[in-house]
């Protein structure tokens, strides 16, 4: 649902998120569910790394990335 809101409410031209990550490398440190990493990938970051100390969080991030059709490095 968060990604749906981002997609409906912001464009890279508005500078909310997309302009800041477009073409850049992003590190989501303490990724949890991966929502921020996924959003960065959806806004065309050149690469996205997602890390978390909790293996379950990394597993959730990979699951959510797959469901959202984005590539992340963990």
C-alpha atoms as a PDB file:
ATOM      1  CA  UNK A   1       0.000   0.000   0.000  1.00  0.00           C
ATOM      2  CA  UNK A   2       2.847   2.408   0.714  1.00  0.00           C
ATOM      3  CA  UNK A   3       4.256   1.932  -2.778  1.00  0.00           C
ATOM      4  CA  UNK A   4       0.825   2.517  -4.283  1.00  0.00           C
ATOM      5  CA  UNK A   5       0.584   5.820  -2.409  1.00  0.00           C
ATOM      6  CA  UNK A   6       4.086   6.844  -3.498  1.00  0.00           C
ATOM      7  CA  UNK A   7       3.301   6.011  -7.120  1.00  0.00           C
ATOM      8  CA  UNK A   8       0.039   7.962  -7.018  1.00  0.00           C
ATOM      9  CA  UNK A   9       1.308  10.909  -4.993  1.00  0.00           C
ATOM     10  CA  UNK A  10       4.799  11.629  -6.235  1.00  0.00           C
ATOM     11  CA  UNK A  11       6.831  11.783  -9.380  1.00  0.00           C
ATOM     12  CA  UNK A  12      10.592  12.242  -9.677  1.00  0.00           C
ATOM     13  CA  UNK A  13       9.960  15.815 -10.831  1.00  0.00           C
ATOM     14  CA  UNK A  14       8.316  16.646  -7.510  1.00  0.00           C
ATOM     15  CA  UNK A  15      11.490  15.789  -5.641  1.00  0.00           C
ATOM     16  CA  UNK A  16       9.736  13.815  -2.904  1.00  0.00           C
ATOM     17  CA  UNK A  17      11.951  10.774  -3.389  1.00  0.00           C
ATOM     18  CA  UNK A  18      12.551  10.009  -7.024  1.00  0.00           C
ATOM     19  CA  UNK A  19      14.767  12.942  -7.888  1.00  0.00           C
ATOM     20  CA  UNK A  20      16.994  12.179  -4.915  1.00  0.00           C
ATOM     21  CA  UNK A  21      17.633   8.552  -5.889  1.00  0.00           C
ATOM     22  CA  UNK A  22      17.380   8.561  -9.689  1.00  0.00           C
ATOM     23  CA  UNK A  23      20.573   6.967 -11.000  1.00  0.00           C
ATOM     24  CA  UNK A  24      22.207   6.777  -7.560  1.00  0.00           C
ATOM     25  CA  UNK A  25      23.335   3.908  -5.351  1.00  0.00           C
ATOM     26  CA  UNK A  26      21.134   3.486  -2.281  1.00  0.00           C
ATOM     27  CA  UNK A  27      21.817   1.663   0.992  1.00  0.00           C
ATOM     28  CA  UNK A  28      18.827   0.786   3.172  1.00  0.00           C
ATOM     29  CA  UNK A  29      20.566   0.114   6.498  1.00  0.00           C
ATOM     30  CA  UNK A  30      18.213  -1.704   8.875  1.00  0.00           C
ATOM     31  CA  UNK A  31      15.885  -2.535   6.005  1.00  0.00           C
ATOM     32  CA  UNK A  32      13.168  -4.312   7.999  1.00  0.00           C
ATOM     33  CA  UNK A  33      10.495  -5.181   5.431  1.00  0.00           C
ATOM     34  CA  UNK A  34      12.433  -3.502   2.615  1.00  0.00           C
ATOM     35  CA  UNK A  35       9.837  -0.837   1.865  1.00  0.00           C
ATOM     36  CA  UNK A  36      12.382   1.975   1.481  1.00  0.00           C
ATOM     37  CA  UNK A  37      14.736  -0.131  -0.620  1.00  0.00           C
ATOM     38  CA  UNK A  38      11.846  -1.178  -2.846  1.00  0.00           C
ATOM     39  CA  UNK A  39      10.707   2.425  -3.237  1.00  0.00           C
ATOM     40  CA  UNK A  40      14.257   3.469  -4.204  1.00  0.00           C
ATOM     41  CA  UNK A  41      14.356   0.711  -6.817  1.00  0.00           C
ATOM     42  CA  UNK A  42      10.954   1.771  -8.150  1.00  0.00           C
ATOM     43  CA  UNK A  43      12.306   5.334  -8.466  1.00  0.00           C
ATOM     44  CA  UNK A  44      15.160   4.053 -10.658  1.00  0.00           C
ATOM     45  CA  UNK A  45      18.131   4.060  -8.309  1.00  0.00           C
ATOM     46  CA  UNK A  46      21.111   2.594 -10.172  1.00  0.00           C
ATOM     47  CA  UNK A  47      21.520  -0.064  -7.470  1.00  0.00           C
ATOM     48  CA  UNK A  48      19.959  -0.753  -4.094  1.00  0.00           C
ATOM     49  CA  UNK A  49      21.560  -2.611  -1.181  1.00  0.00           C
ATOM     50  CA  UNK A  50      19.373  -3.642   1.756  1.00  0.00           C
ATOM     51  CA  UNK A  51      20.933  -4.883   4.998  1.00  0.00           C
ATOM     52  CA  UNK A  52      19.616  -5.845   8.399  1.00  0.00           C
ATOM     53  CA  UNK A  53      21.039  -7.631  11.437  1.00  0.00           C
ATOM     54  CA  UNK A  54      17.903  -9.795  11.622  1.00  0.00           C
ATOM     55  CA  UNK A  55      17.899 -12.667   9.095  1.00  0.00           C
ATOM     56  CA  UNK A  56      14.088 -12.686   9.155  1.00  0.00           C
ATOM     57  CA  UNK A  57      14.074  -9.048   8.036  1.00  0.00           C
ATOM     58  CA  UNK A  58      16.394  -9.854   5.137  1.00  0.00           C
ATOM     59  CA  UNK A  59      14.118 -12.744   4.177  1.00  0.00           C
ATOM     60  CA  UNK A  60      11.080 -10.441   4.332  1.00  0.00           C
ATOM     61  CA  UNK A  61      12.887  -7.842   2.234  1.00  0.00           C
ATOM     62  CA  UNK A  62      13.721 -10.385  -0.468  1.00  0.00           C
ATOM     63  CA  UNK A  63      10.142 -11.692  -0.435  1.00  0.00           C
ATOM     64  CA  UNK A  64       8.707  -8.178  -0.762  1.00  0.00           C
ATOM     65  CA  UNK A  65      11.215  -7.231  -3.474  1.00  0.00           C
ATOM     66  CA  UNK A  66      10.182 -10.295  -5.460  1.00  0.00           C
ATOM     67  CA  UNK A  67       6.488  -9.442  -5.032  1.00  0.00           C
ATOM     68  CA  UNK A  68       7.226  -5.917  -6.298  1.00  0.00           C
ATOM     69  CA  UNK A  69       9.406  -7.085  -9.213  1.00  0.00           C
ATOM     70  CA  UNK A  70      12.565  -5.240  -8.164  1.00  0.00           C
ATOM     71  CA  UNK A  71      16.179  -6.342  -7.802  1.00  0.00           C
ATOM     72  CA  UNK A  72      17.923  -5.696  -4.482  1.00  0.00           C
ATOM     73  CA  UNK A  73      21.282  -6.780  -3.105  1.00  0.00           C
ATOM     74  CA  UNK A  74      21.252  -8.090   0.462  1.00  0.00           C
END
